[in-house]
Full PDB file with SEQRES, HELIX, SHEET, SSBOND, CRYST1, ORIGX, SCALE, CONECT and MASTER records, all heavy atoms in Angstrom:
SEQRES   1 A   43  TRP TYR ALA THR VAL ALA TYR LEU VAL LEU MET VAL ALA          
SEQRES   2 A   43  THR LEU ARG HIS CYS THR LEU ARG GLU LEU GLY THR GLU          
SEQRES   3 A   43  ILE LEU ALA LEU GLY SER PRO SER LEU LEU ALA LEU SER          
SEQRES   4 A   43  ALA ALA LEU THR                                              
HELIX    1 AA1 TYR A    2  LEU A   15  1                                  14    
HELIX    2 AA2 LEU A   20  LEU A   28  1                                   9    
HELIX    3 AA3 SER A   32  LEU A   42  1                                  11    
CRYST1    1.000    1.000    1.000  90.00  90.00  90.00 P 1           1          
ORIGX1      1.000000  0.000000  0.000000        0.00000                         
ORIGX2      0.000000  1.000000  0.000000        0.00000                         
ORIGX3      0.000000  0.000000  1.000000        0.00000                         
SCALE1      1.000000  0.000000  0.000000        0.00000                         
SCALE2      0.000000  1.000000  0.000000        0.00000                         
SCALE3      0.000000  0.000000  1.000000        0.00000                         
ATOM      1  N   TRP A   1     -55.899  -9.232 -97.402  1.00  0.00           N  
ATOM      2  CA  TRP A   1     -56.588 -10.526 -97.355  1.00  0.00           C  
ATOM      3  C   TRP A   1     -58.102 -10.328 -97.236  1.00  0.00           C  
ATOM      4  O   TRP A   1     -58.880 -10.880 -98.014  1.00  0.00           O  
ATOM      5  CB  TRP A   1     -56.062 -11.360 -96.190  1.00  0.00           C  
ATOM      6  CG  TRP A   1     -56.659 -12.729 -96.142  1.00  0.00           C  
ATOM      7  CD1 TRP A   1     -57.835 -13.087 -95.575  1.00  0.00           C  
ATOM      8  CD2 TRP A   1     -56.112 -13.911 -96.728  1.00  0.00           C  
ATOM      9  NE1 TRP A   1     -58.058 -14.425 -95.749  1.00  0.00           N  
ATOM     10  CE2 TRP A   1     -57.014 -14.958 -96.458  1.00  0.00           C  
ATOM     11  CE3 TRP A   1     -54.959 -14.190 -97.434  1.00  0.00           C  
ATOM     12  CZ2 TRP A   1     -56.792 -16.265 -96.872  1.00  0.00           C  
ATOM     13  CZ3 TRP A   1     -54.734 -15.498 -97.848  1.00  0.00           C  
ATOM     14  CH2 TRP A   1     -55.644 -16.513 -97.570  1.00  0.00           C  
ATOM     15  N   TYR A   2     -58.526  -9.530 -96.253  1.00  0.00           N  
ATOM     16  CA  TYR A   2     -59.962  -9.356 -96.026  1.00  0.00           C  
ATOM     17  C   TYR A   2     -60.617  -8.509 -97.115  1.00  0.00           C  
ATOM     18  O   TYR A   2     -61.797  -8.706 -97.426  1.00  0.00           O  
ATOM     19  CB  TYR A   2     -60.225  -8.794 -94.631  1.00  0.00           C  
ATOM     20  CG  TYR A   2     -59.866  -9.802 -93.551  1.00  0.00           C  
ATOM     21  CD1 TYR A   2     -58.975  -9.487 -92.546  1.00  0.00           C  
ATOM     22  CD2 TYR A   2     -60.402 -11.084 -93.564  1.00  0.00           C  
ATOM     23  CE1 TYR A   2     -58.631 -10.412 -91.579  1.00  0.00           C  
ATOM     24  CE2 TYR A   2     -60.059 -12.009 -92.603  1.00  0.00           C  
ATOM     25  CZ  TYR A   2     -59.181 -11.676 -91.614  1.00  0.00           C  
ATOM     26  OH  TYR A   2     -58.842 -12.601 -90.657  1.00  0.00           O  
ATOM     27  N   ALA A   3     -59.868  -7.617 -97.734  1.00  0.00           N  
ATOM     28  CA  ALA A   3     -60.405  -6.877 -98.880  1.00  0.00           C  
ATOM     29  C   ALA A   3     -60.650  -7.829-100.046  1.00  0.00           C  
ATOM     30  O   ALA A   3     -61.627  -7.684-100.783  1.00  0.00           O  
ATOM     31  CB  ALA A   3     -59.447  -5.768 -99.296  1.00  0.00           C  
ATOM     32  N   THR A   4     -59.790  -8.826-100.194  1.00  0.00           N  
ATOM     33  CA  THR A   4     -59.980  -9.809-101.250  1.00  0.00           C  
ATOM     34  C   THR A   4     -61.205 -10.681-100.975  1.00  0.00           C  
ATOM     35  O   THR A   4     -61.962 -11.010-101.899  1.00  0.00           O  
ATOM     36  CB  THR A   4     -58.720 -10.681-101.407  1.00  0.00           C  
ATOM     37  OG1 THR A   4     -57.605  -9.829-101.612  1.00  0.00           O  
ATOM     38  CG2 THR A   4     -58.851 -11.629-102.578  1.00  0.00           C  
ATOM     39  N   VAL A   5     -61.420 -11.046 -99.724  1.00  0.00           N  
ATOM     40  CA  VAL A   5     -62.625 -11.815 -99.375  1.00  0.00           C  
ATOM     41  C   VAL A   5     -63.871 -10.980 -99.692  1.00  0.00           C  
ATOM     42  O   VAL A   5     -64.839 -11.488-100.275  1.00  0.00           O  
ATOM     43  CB  VAL A   5     -62.604 -12.257 -97.895  1.00  0.00           C  
ATOM     44  CG1 VAL A   5     -63.924 -12.879 -97.495  1.00  0.00           C  
ATOM     45  CG2 VAL A   5     -61.455 -13.221 -97.644  1.00  0.00           C  
ATOM     46  N   ALA A   6     -63.849  -9.709 -99.343  1.00  0.00           N  
ATOM     47  CA  ALA A   6     -64.980  -8.824 -99.658  1.00  0.00           C  
ATOM     48  C   ALA A   6     -65.149  -8.689-101.170  1.00  0.00           C  
ATOM     49  O   ALA A   6     -66.277  -8.661-101.680  1.00  0.00           O  
ATOM     50  CB  ALA A   6     -64.773  -7.456 -99.026  1.00  0.00           C  
ATOM     51  N   TYR A   7     -64.028  -8.611-101.895  1.00  0.00           N  
ATOM     52  CA  TYR A   7     -64.073  -8.542-103.354  1.00  0.00           C  
ATOM     53  C   TYR A   7     -64.767  -9.777-103.938  1.00  0.00           C  
ATOM     54  O   TYR A   7     -65.567  -9.665-104.873  1.00  0.00           O  
ATOM     55  CB  TYR A   7     -62.645  -8.406-103.911  1.00  0.00           C  
ATOM     56  CG  TYR A   7     -62.519  -8.659-105.385  1.00  0.00           C  
ATOM     57  CD1 TYR A   7     -62.897  -7.685-106.303  1.00  0.00           C  
ATOM     58  CD2 TYR A   7     -62.022  -9.864-105.864  1.00  0.00           C  
ATOM     59  CE1 TYR A   7     -62.780  -7.915-107.661  1.00  0.00           C  
ATOM     60  CE2 TYR A   7     -61.903 -10.099-107.208  1.00  0.00           C  
ATOM     61  CZ  TYR A   7     -62.277  -9.126-108.108  1.00  0.00           C  
ATOM     62  OH  TYR A   7     -62.164  -9.365-109.451  1.00  0.00           O  
ATOM     63  N   LEU A   8     -64.479 -10.952-103.387  1.00  0.00           N  
ATOM     64  CA  LEU A   8     -65.118 -12.174-103.876  1.00  0.00           C  
ATOM     65  C   LEU A   8     -66.629 -12.118-103.692  1.00  0.00           C  
ATOM     66  O   LEU A   8     -67.392 -12.509-104.584  1.00  0.00           O  
ATOM     67  CB  LEU A   8     -64.542 -13.399-103.165  1.00  0.00           C  
ATOM     68  CG  LEU A   8     -63.119 -13.773-103.514  1.00  0.00           C  
ATOM     69  CD1 LEU A   8     -62.644 -14.908-102.621  1.00  0.00           C  
ATOM     70  CD2 LEU A   8     -63.002 -14.156-104.974  1.00  0.00           C  
ATOM     71  N   VAL A   9     -67.074 -11.646-102.539  1.00  0.00           N  
ATOM     72  CA  VAL A   9     -68.515 -11.537-102.284  1.00  0.00           C  
ATOM     73  C   VAL A   9     -69.153 -10.555-103.264  1.00  0.00           C  
ATOM     74  O   VAL A   9     -70.198 -10.855-103.861  1.00  0.00           O  
ATOM     75  CB  VAL A   9     -68.780 -11.102-100.828  1.00  0.00           C  
ATOM     76  CG1 VAL A   9     -70.246 -10.806-100.605  1.00  0.00           C  
ATOM     77  CG2 VAL A   9     -68.297 -12.175 -99.862  1.00  0.00           C  
ATOM     78  N   LEU A  10     -68.516  -9.410-103.452  1.00  0.00           N  
ATOM     79  CA  LEU A  10     -69.052  -8.417-104.389  1.00  0.00           C  
ATOM     80  C   LEU A  10     -69.026  -8.930-105.825  1.00  0.00           C  
ATOM     81  O   LEU A  10     -69.939  -8.655-106.608  1.00  0.00           O  
ATOM     82  CB  LEU A  10     -68.265  -7.114-104.284  1.00  0.00           C  
ATOM     83  CG  LEU A  10     -68.438  -6.358-102.979  1.00  0.00           C  
ATOM     84  CD1 LEU A  10     -67.478  -5.180-102.916  1.00  0.00           C  
ATOM     85  CD2 LEU A  10     -69.869  -5.897-102.809  1.00  0.00           C  
ATOM     86  N   MET A  11     -67.996  -9.693-106.177  1.00  0.00           N  
ATOM     87  CA  MET A  11     -67.905 -10.260-107.516  1.00  0.00           C  
ATOM     88  C   MET A  11     -69.049 -11.239-107.773  1.00  0.00           C  
ATOM     89  O   MET A  11     -69.667 -11.222-108.832  1.00  0.00           O  
ATOM     90  CB  MET A  11     -66.557 -10.956-107.710  1.00  0.00           C  
ATOM     91  CG  MET A  11     -66.348 -11.494-109.113  1.00  0.00           C  
ATOM     92  SD  MET A  11     -64.730 -12.247-109.354  1.00  0.00           S  
ATOM     93  CE  MET A  11     -64.810 -13.653-108.265  1.00  0.00           C  
ATOM     94  N   VAL A  12     -69.344 -12.087-106.793  1.00  0.00           N  
ATOM     95  CA  VAL A  12     -70.443 -13.040-106.945  1.00  0.00           C  
ATOM     96  C   VAL A  12     -71.765 -12.298-107.101  1.00  0.00           C  
ATOM     97  O   VAL A  12     -72.578 -12.628-107.969  1.00  0.00           O  
ATOM     98  CB  VAL A  12     -70.498 -14.020-105.746  1.00  0.00           C  
ATOM     99  CG1 VAL A  12     -71.782 -14.817-105.745  1.00  0.00           C  
ATOM    100  CG2 VAL A  12     -69.295 -14.939-105.771  1.00  0.00           C  
ATOM    101  N   ALA A  13     -71.986 -11.287-106.281  1.00  0.00           N  
ATOM    102  CA  ALA A  13     -73.229 -10.513-106.378  1.00  0.00           C  
ATOM    103  C   ALA A  13     -73.329  -9.816-107.732  1.00  0.00           C  
ATOM    104  O   ALA A  13     -74.402  -9.797-108.353  1.00  0.00           O  
ATOM    105  CB  ALA A  13     -73.308  -9.487-105.251  1.00  0.00           C  
ATOM    106  N   THR A  14     -72.242  -9.264-108.205  1.00  0.00           N  
ATOM    107  CA  THR A  14     -72.250  -8.568-109.498  1.00  0.00           C  
ATOM    108  C   THR A  14     -72.503  -9.536-110.643  1.00  0.00           C  
ATOM    109  O   THR A  14     -73.299  -9.247-111.548  1.00  0.00           O  
ATOM    110  CB  THR A  14     -70.906  -7.840-109.716  1.00  0.00           C  
ATOM    111  OG1 THR A  14     -70.713  -6.920-108.648  1.00  0.00           O  
ATOM    112  CG2 THR A  14     -70.888  -7.104-111.028  1.00  0.00           C  
ATOM    113  N   LEU A  15     -71.845 -10.680-110.609  1.00  0.00           N  
ATOM    114  CA  LEU A  15     -72.020 -11.647-111.690  1.00  0.00           C  
ATOM    115  C   LEU A  15     -73.423 -12.252-111.708  1.00  0.00           C  
ATOM    116  O   LEU A  15     -73.905 -12.661-112.751  1.00  0.00           O  
ATOM    117  CB  LEU A  15     -70.960 -12.749-111.598  1.00  0.00           C  
ATOM    118  CG  LEU A  15     -69.529 -12.297-111.879  1.00  0.00           C  
ATOM    119  CD1 LEU A  15     -68.552 -13.434-111.644  1.00  0.00           C  
ATOM    120  CD2 LEU A  15     -69.395 -11.761-113.293  1.00  0.00           C  
ATOM    121  N   ARG A  16     -74.056 -12.304-110.540  1.00  0.00           N  
ATOM    122  CA  ARG A  16     -75.428 -12.835-110.476  1.00  0.00           C  
ATOM    123  C   ARG A  16     -76.468 -11.736-110.674  1.00  0.00           C  
ATOM    124  O   ARG A  16     -77.657 -11.992-110.637  1.00  0.00           O  
ATOM    125  CB  ARG A  16     -75.661 -13.533-109.139  1.00  0.00           C  
ATOM    126  CG  ARG A  16     -74.801 -14.783-108.985  1.00  0.00           C  
ATOM    127  CD  ARG A  16     -75.110 -15.551-107.737  1.00  0.00           C  
ATOM    128  NE  ARG A  16     -76.471 -15.975-107.597  1.00  0.00           N  
ATOM    129  CZ  ARG A  16     -77.015 -17.033-108.196  1.00  0.00           C  
ATOM    130  NH1 ARG A  16     -76.279 -17.749-108.996  1.00  0.00           N  
ATOM    131  NH2 ARG A  16     -78.262 -17.354-107.993  1.00  0.00           N  
ATOM    132  N   HIS A  17     -76.009 -10.505-110.868  1.00  0.00           N  
ATOM    133  CA  HIS A  17     -76.885  -9.347-111.088  1.00  0.00           C  
ATOM    134  C   HIS A  17     -77.894  -9.187-109.950  1.00  0.00           C  
ATOM    135  O   HIS A  17     -79.098  -9.067-110.183  1.00  0.00           O  
ATOM    136  CB  HIS A  17     -77.626  -9.455-112.429  1.00  0.00           C  
ATOM    137  CG  HIS A  17     -76.711  -9.609-113.594  1.00  0.00           C  
ATOM    138  ND1 HIS A  17     -75.927  -8.583-114.052  1.00  0.00           N  
ATOM    139  CD2 HIS A  17     -76.438 -10.670-114.389  1.00  0.00           C  
ATOM    140  CE1 HIS A  17     -75.227  -9.005-115.089  1.00  0.00           C  
ATOM    141  NE2 HIS A  17     -75.502 -10.274-115.312  1.00  0.00           N  
ATOM    142  N   CYS A  18     -77.389  -9.212-108.718  1.00  0.00           N  
ATOM    143  CA  CYS A  18     -78.265  -9.031-107.568  1.00  0.00           C  
ATOM    144  C   CYS A  18     -77.579  -8.138-106.534  1.00  0.00           C  
ATOM    145  O   CYS A  18     -76.381  -7.880-106.613  1.00  0.00           O  
ATOM    146  CB  CYS A  18     -78.652 -10.377-106.958  1.00  0.00           C  
ATOM    147  SG  CYS A  18     -77.292 -11.319-106.268  1.00  0.00           S  
ATOM    148  N   THR A  19     -78.359  -7.697-105.575  1.00  0.00           N  
ATOM    149  CA  THR A  19     -77.799  -6.895-104.489  1.00  0.00           C  
ATOM    150  C   THR A  19     -77.241  -7.828-103.418  1.00  0.00           C  
ATOM    151  O   THR A  19     -77.466  -9.040-103.454  1.00  0.00           O  
ATOM    152  CB  THR A  19     -78.880  -5.997-103.859  1.00  0.00           C  
ATOM    153  OG1 THR A  19     -79.873  -6.840-103.263  1.00  0.00           O  
ATOM    154  CG2 THR A  19     -79.514  -5.087-104.899  1.00  0.00           C  
ATOM    155  N   LEU A  20     -76.526  -7.255-102.467  1.00  0.00           N  
ATOM    156  CA  LEU A  20     -75.984  -8.074-101.384  1.00  0.00           C  
ATOM    157  C   LEU A  20     -77.091  -8.686-100.534  1.00  0.00           C  
ATOM    158  O   LEU A  20     -76.973  -9.810-100.056  1.00  0.00           O  
ATOM    159  CB  LEU A  20     -75.037  -7.243-100.517  1.00  0.00           C  
ATOM    160  CG  LEU A  20     -73.729  -6.828-101.187  1.00  0.00           C  
ATOM    161  CD1 LEU A  20     -72.924  -5.924-100.257  1.00  0.00           C  
ATOM    162  CD2 LEU A  20     -72.911  -8.037-101.576  1.00  0.00           C  
ATOM    163  N   ARG A  21     -78.185  -7.951-100.360  1.00  0.00           N  
ATOM    164  CA  ARG A  21     -79.319  -8.485 -99.600  1.00  0.00           C  
ATOM    165  C   ARG A  21     -79.925  -9.690-100.321  1.00  0.00           C  
ATOM    166  O   ARG A  21     -80.241 -10.712 -99.703  1.00  0.00           O  
ATOM    167  CB  ARG A  21     -80.372  -7.404 -99.395  1.00  0.00           C  
ATOM    168  CG  ARG A  21     -81.588  -7.925 -98.623  1.00  0.00           C  
ATOM    169  CD  ARG A  21     -82.522  -6.836 -98.259  1.00  0.00           C  
ATOM    170  NE  ARG A  21     -81.889  -6.152 -97.127  1.00  0.00           N  
ATOM    171  CZ  ARG A  21     -82.268  -4.985 -96.665  1.00  0.00           C  
ATOM    172  NH1 ARG A  21     -83.264  -4.341 -97.222  1.00  0.00           N  
ATOM    173  NH2 ARG A  21     -81.676  -4.432 -95.638  1.00  0.00           N  
ATOM    174  N   GLU A  22     -80.106  -9.580-101.647  1.00  0.00           N  
ATOM    175  CA  GLU A  22     -80.644 -10.708-102.422  1.00  0.00           C  
ATOM    176  C   GLU A  22     -79.688 -11.897-102.381  1.00  0.00           C  
ATOM    177  O   GLU A  22     -80.122 -13.047-102.288  1.00  0.00           O  
ATOM    178  CB  GLU A  22     -80.885 -10.284-103.871  1.00  0.00           C  
ATOM    179  CG  GLU A  22     -82.011  -9.294-104.048  1.00  0.00           C  
ATOM    180  CD  GLU A  22     -82.054  -8.698-105.449  1.00  0.00           C  
ATOM    181  OE1 GLU A  22     -81.075  -8.851-106.206  1.00  0.00           O  
ATOM    182  OE2 GLU A  22     -83.069  -8.069-105.777  1.00  0.00           O  
ATOM    183  N   LEU A  23     -78.382 -11.623-102.444  1.00  0.00           N  
ATOM    184  CA  LEU A  23     -77.396 -12.693-102.365  1.00  0.00           C  
ATOM    185  C   LEU A  23     -77.472 -13.389-101.011  1.00  0.00           C  
ATOM    186  O   LEU A  23     -77.432 -14.620-100.930  1.00  0.00           O  
ATOM    187  CB  LEU A  23     -75.987 -12.145-102.599  1.00  0.00           C  
ATOM    188  CG  LEU A  23     -74.862 -13.170-102.577  1.00  0.00           C  
ATOM    189  CD1 LEU A  23     -75.035 -14.184-103.708  1.00  0.00           C  
ATOM    190  CD2 LEU A  23     -73.519 -12.475-102.673  1.00  0.00           C  
ATOM    191  N   GLY A  24     -77.619 -12.613 -99.943  1.00  0.00           N  
ATOM    192  CA  GLY A  24     -77.771 -13.204 -98.612  1.00  0.00           C  
ATOM    193  C   GLY A  24     -79.006 -14.081 -98.506  1.00  0.00           C  
ATOM    194  O   GLY A  24     -78.970 -15.156 -97.908  1.00  0.00           O  
ATOM    195  N   THR A  25     -80.107 -13.636 -99.103  1.00  0.00           N  
ATOM    196  CA  THR A  25     -81.338 -14.423 -99.103  1.00  0.00           C  
ATOM    197  C   THR A  25     -81.141 -15.728 -99.871  1.00  0.00           C  
ATOM    198  O   THR A  25     -81.586 -16.791 -99.432  1.00  0.00           O  
ATOM    199  CB  THR A  25     -82.490 -13.607 -99.731  1.00  0.00           C  
ATOM    200  OG1 THR A  25     -82.620 -12.385 -99.000  1.00  0.00           O  
ATOM    201  CG2 THR A  25     -83.800 -14.373 -99.682  1.00  0.00           C  
ATOM    202  N   GLU A  26     -80.448 -15.651-101.014  1.00  0.00           N  
ATOM    203  CA  GLU A  26     -80.184 -16.861-101.792  1.00  0.00           C  
ATOM    204  C   GLU A  26     -79.274 -17.824-101.035  1.00  0.00           C  
ATOM    205  O   GLU A  26     -79.458 -19.039-101.084  1.00  0.00           O  
ATOM    206  CB  GLU A  26     -79.556 -16.501-103.137  1.00  0.00           C  
ATOM    207  CG  GLU A  26     -80.511 -15.829-104.096  1.00  0.00           C  
ATOM    208  CD  GLU A  26     -79.854 -15.483-105.422  1.00  0.00           C  
ATOM    209  OE1 GLU A  26     -78.780 -16.049-105.731  1.00  0.00           O  
ATOM    210  OE2 GLU A  26     -80.421 -14.661-106.148  1.00  0.00           O  
ATOM    211  N   ILE A  27     -78.298 -17.278-100.332  1.00  0.00           N  
ATOM    212  CA  ILE A  27     -77.388 -18.136 -99.563  1.00  0.00           C  
ATOM    213  C   ILE A  27     -78.136 -18.828 -98.431  1.00  0.00           C  
ATOM    214  O   ILE A  27     -77.951 -20.021 -98.187  1.00  0.00           O  
ATOM    215  CB  ILE A  27     -76.200 -17.312 -99.025  1.00  0.00           C  
ATOM    216  CG1 ILE A  27     -75.276 -16.933-100.178  1.00  0.00           C  
ATOM    217  CG2 ILE A  27     -75.439 -18.067 -97.948  1.00  0.00           C  
ATOM    218  CD1 ILE A  27     -74.177 -15.966 -99.803  1.00  0.00           C  
ATOM    219  N   LEU A  28     -78.997 -18.089 -97.736  1.00  0.00           N  
ATOM    220  CA  LEU A  28     -79.762 -18.700 -96.640  1.00  0.00           C  
ATOM    221  C   LEU A  28     -80.764 -19.735 -97.143  1.00  0.00           C  
ATOM    222  O   LEU A  28     -81.185 -20.607 -96.379  1.00  0.00           O  
ATOM    223  CB  LEU A  28     -80.471 -17.617 -95.831  1.00  0.00           C  
ATOM    224  CG  LEU A  28     -79.538 -16.713 -95.021  1.00  0.00           C  
ATOM    225  CD1 LEU A  28     -80.335 -15.610 -94.341  1.00  0.00           C  
ATOM    226  CD2 LEU A  28     -78.746 -17.515 -94.014  1.00  0.00           C  
ATOM    227  N   ALA A  29     -81.142 -19.653 -98.412  1.00  0.00           N  
ATOM    228  CA  ALA A  29     -82.079 -20.617 -98.982  1.00  0.00           C  
ATOM    229  C   ALA A  29     -81.383 -21.898 -99.454  1.00  0.00           C  
ATOM    230  O   ALA A  29     -82.056 -22.827 -99.898  1.00  0.00           O  
ATOM    231  CB  ALA A  29     -82.839 -19.978-100.142  1.00  0.00           C  
ATOM    232  N   LEU A  30     -80.060 -21.966 -99.355  1.00  0.00           N  
ATOM    233  CA  LEU A  30     -79.336 -23.167 -99.759  1.00  0.00           C  
ATOM    234  C   LEU A  30     -79.703 -24.339 -98.865  1.00  0.00           C  
ATOM    235  O   LEU A  30     -80.104 -24.157 -97.714  1.00  0.00           O  
ATOM    236  CB  LEU A  30     -77.826 -22.936 -99.681  1.00  0.00           C  
ATOM    237  CG  LEU A  30     -77.208 -21.975-100.683  1.00  0.00           C  
ATOM    238  CD1 LEU A  30     -75.750 -21.730-100.320  1.00  0.00           C  
ATOM    239  CD2 LEU A  30     -77.330 -22.498-102.088  1.00  0.00           C  
ATOM    240  N   GLY A  31     -79.517 -25.525 -99.378  1.00  0.00           N  
ATOM    241  CA  GLY A  31     -79.744 -26.721 -98.581  1.00  0.00           C  
ATOM    242  C   GLY A  31     -78.680 -26.849 -97.501  1.00  0.00           C  
ATOM    243  O   GLY A  31     -77.624 -26.198 -97.553  1.00  0.00           O  
ATOM    244  N   SER A  32     -78.920 -27.680 -96.533  1.00  0.00           N  
ATOM    245  CA  SER A  32     -78.005 -27.838 -95.399  1.00  0.00           C  
ATOM    246  C   SER A  32     -76.580 -28.212 -95.804  1.00  0.00           C  
ATOM    247  O   SER A  32     -75.628 -27.607 -95.310  1.00  0.00           O  
ATOM    248  CB  SER A  32     -78.550 -28.877 -94.420  1.00  0.00           C  
ATOM    249  OG  SER A  32     -79.740 -28.405 -93.849  1.00  0.00           O  
ATOM    250  N   PRO A  33     -76.374 -29.209 -96.689  1.00  0.00           N  
ATOM    251  CA  PRO A  33     -74.990 -29.556 -97.049  1.00  0.00           C  
ATOM    252  C   PRO A  33     -74.253 -28.396 -97.731  1.00  0.00           C  
ATOM    253  O   PRO A  33     -73.084 -28.134 -97.430  1.00  0.00           O  
ATOM    254  CB  PRO A  33     -75.134 -30.734 -98.009  1.00  0.00           C  
ATOM    255  CG  PRO A  33     -76.461 -31.313 -97.704  1.00  0.00           C  
ATOM    256  CD  PRO A  33     -77.311 -30.157 -97.279  1.00  0.00           C  
ATOM    257  N   SER A  34     -74.921 -27.693 -98.616  1.00  0.00           N  
ATOM    258  CA  SER A  34     -74.284 -26.566 -99.305  1.00  0.00           C  
ATOM    259  C   SER A  34     -73.988 -25.435 -98.334  1.00  0.00           C  
ATOM    260  O   SER A  34     -72.925 -24.806 -98.398  1.00  0.00           O  
ATOM    261  CB  SER A  34     -75.188 -26.048-100.425  1.00  0.00           C  
ATOM    262  OG  SER A  34     -75.382 -27.035-101.391  1.00  0.00           O  
ATOM    263  N   LEU A  35     -74.908 -25.170 -97.436  1.00  0.00           N  
ATOM    264  CA  LEU A  35     -74.707 -24.109 -96.451  1.00  0.00           C  
ATOM    265  C   LEU A  35     -73.569 -24.464 -95.494  1.00  0.00           C  
ATOM    266  O   LEU A  35     -72.767 -23.608 -95.124  1.00  0.00           O  
ATOM    267  CB  LEU A  35     -76.005 -23.872 -95.686  1.00  0.00           C  
ATOM    268  CG  LEU A  35     -76.111 -22.574 -94.898  1.00  0.00           C  
ATOM    269  CD1 LEU A  35     -75.855 -21.365 -95.794  1.00  0.00           C  
ATOM    270  CD2 LEU A  35     -77.479 -22.452 -94.253  1.00  0.00           C  
ATOM    271  N   LEU A  36     -73.478 -25.737 -95.128  1.00  0.00           N  
ATOM    272  CA  LEU A  36     -72.400 -26.192 -94.259  1.00  0.00           C  
ATOM    273  C   LEU A  36     -71.044 -26.054 -94.965  1.00  0.00           C  
ATOM    274  O   LEU A  36     -70.074 -25.574 -94.369  1.00  0.00           O  
ATOM    275  CB  LEU A  36     -72.632 -27.643 -93.836  1.00  0.00           C  
ATOM    276  CG  LEU A  36     -71.613 -28.244 -92.882  1.00  0.00           C  
ATOM    277  CD1 LEU A  36     -71.632 -27.493 -91.552  1.00  0.00           C  
ATOM    278  CD2 LEU A  36     -71.885 -29.708 -92.673  1.00  0.00           C  
ATOM    279  N   ALA A  37     -70.964 -26.437 -96.229  1.00  0.00           N  
ATOM    280  CA  ALA A  37     -69.720 -26.319 -96.995  1.00  0.00           C  
ATOM    281  C   ALA A  37     -69.324 -24.854 -97.160  1.00  0.00           C  
ATOM    282  O   ALA A  37     -68.146 -24.498 -97.030  1.00  0.00           O  
ATOM    283  CB  ALA A  37     -69.868 -26.990 -98.351  1.00  0.00           C  
ATOM    284  N   LEU A  38     -70.284 -23.993 -97.451  1.00  0.00           N  
ATOM    285  CA  LEU A  38     -70.005 -22.567 -97.595  1.00  0.00           C  
ATOM    286  C   LEU A  38     -69.527 -21.979 -96.269  1.00  0.00           C  
ATOM    287  O   LEU A  38     -68.580 -21.196 -96.239  1.00  0.00           O  
ATOM    288  CB  LEU A  38     -71.244 -21.828 -98.093  1.00  0.00           C  
ATOM    289  CG  LEU A  38     -71.092 -20.322 -98.279  1.00  0.00           C  
ATOM    290  CD1 LEU A  38     -70.071 -20.018 -99.369  1.00  0.00           C  
ATOM    291  CD2 LEU A  38     -72.426 -19.695 -98.614  1.00  0.00           C  
ATOM    292  N   SER A  39     -70.151 -22.372 -95.181  1.00  0.00           N  
ATOM    293  CA  SER A  39     -69.735 -21.889 -93.856  1.00  0.00           C  
ATOM    294  C   SER A  39     -68.316 -22.336 -93.534  1.00  0.00           C  
ATOM    295  O   SER A  39     -67.518 -21.547 -93.009  1.00  0.00           O  
ATOM    296  CB  SER A  39     -70.685 -22.403 -92.778  1.00  0.00           C  
ATOM    297  OG  SER A  39     -71.986 -21.936 -93.003  1.00  0.00           O  
ATOM    298  N   ALA A  40     -67.982 -23.570 -93.858  1.00  0.00           N  
ATOM    299  CA  ALA A  40     -66.628 -24.074 -93.613  1.00  0.00           C  
ATOM    300  C   ALA A  40     -65.610 -23.313 -94.453  1.00  0.00           C  
ATOM    301  O   ALA A  40     -64.544 -22.921 -93.960  1.00  0.00           O  
ATOM    302  CB  ALA A  40     -66.565 -25.564 -93.921  1.00  0.00           C  
ATOM    303  N   ALA A  41     -65.934 -23.067 -95.714  1.00  0.00           N  
ATOM    304  CA  ALA A  41     -65.017 -22.346 -96.600  1.00  0.00           C  
ATOM    305  C   ALA A  41     -64.805 -20.911 -96.110  1.00  0.00           C  
ATOM    306  O   ALA A  41     -63.670 -20.420 -96.091  1.00  0.00           O  
ATOM    307  CB  ALA A  41     -65.551 -22.349 -98.027  1.00  0.00           C  
ATOM    308  N   LEU A  42     -65.866 -20.245 -95.710  1.00  0.00           N  
ATOM    309  CA  LEU A  42     -65.735 -18.874 -95.223  1.00  0.00           C  
ATOM    310  C   LEU A  42     -64.958 -18.823 -93.912  1.00  0.00           C  
ATOM    311  O   LEU A  42     -64.176 -17.901 -93.686  1.00  0.00           O  
ATOM    312  CB  LEU A  42     -67.108 -18.231 -95.057  1.00  0.00           C  
ATOM    313  CG  LEU A  42     -67.802 -17.848 -96.358  1.00  0.00           C  
ATOM    314  CD1 LEU A  42     -69.206 -17.316 -96.085  1.00  0.00           C  
ATOM    315  CD2 LEU A  42     -66.999 -16.837 -97.133  1.00  0.00           C  
ATOM    316  N   THR A  43     -65.164 -19.814 -93.060  1.00  0.00           N  
ATOM    317  CA  THR A  43     -64.422 -19.881 -91.803  1.00  0.00           C  
ATOM    318  C   THR A  43     -62.932 -20.016 -92.074  1.00  0.00           C  
ATOM    319  O   THR A  43     -62.106 -19.336 -91.453  1.00  0.00           O  
ATOM    320  CB  THR A  43     -64.924 -21.052 -90.937  1.00  0.00           C  
ATOM    321  OG1 THR A  43     -66.316 -20.880 -90.691  1.00  0.00           O  
ATOM    322  CG2 THR A  43     -64.167 -21.143 -89.631  1.00  0.00           C  
TER     323      THR A  43                                                      
MASTER        0    0    0    3    0    0    0    6  322    1    0    4          
END                                                                             
């Protein structure tokens, strides 16, 4: 299960052609509603 969650994160980073650090920066730059929805989904 958790390997699949990690796979999803790596897949998103690969498809966006960025590193995990850049992906984290982009995620933190999201607006409040999007960040809240992403946090709920990850939880």
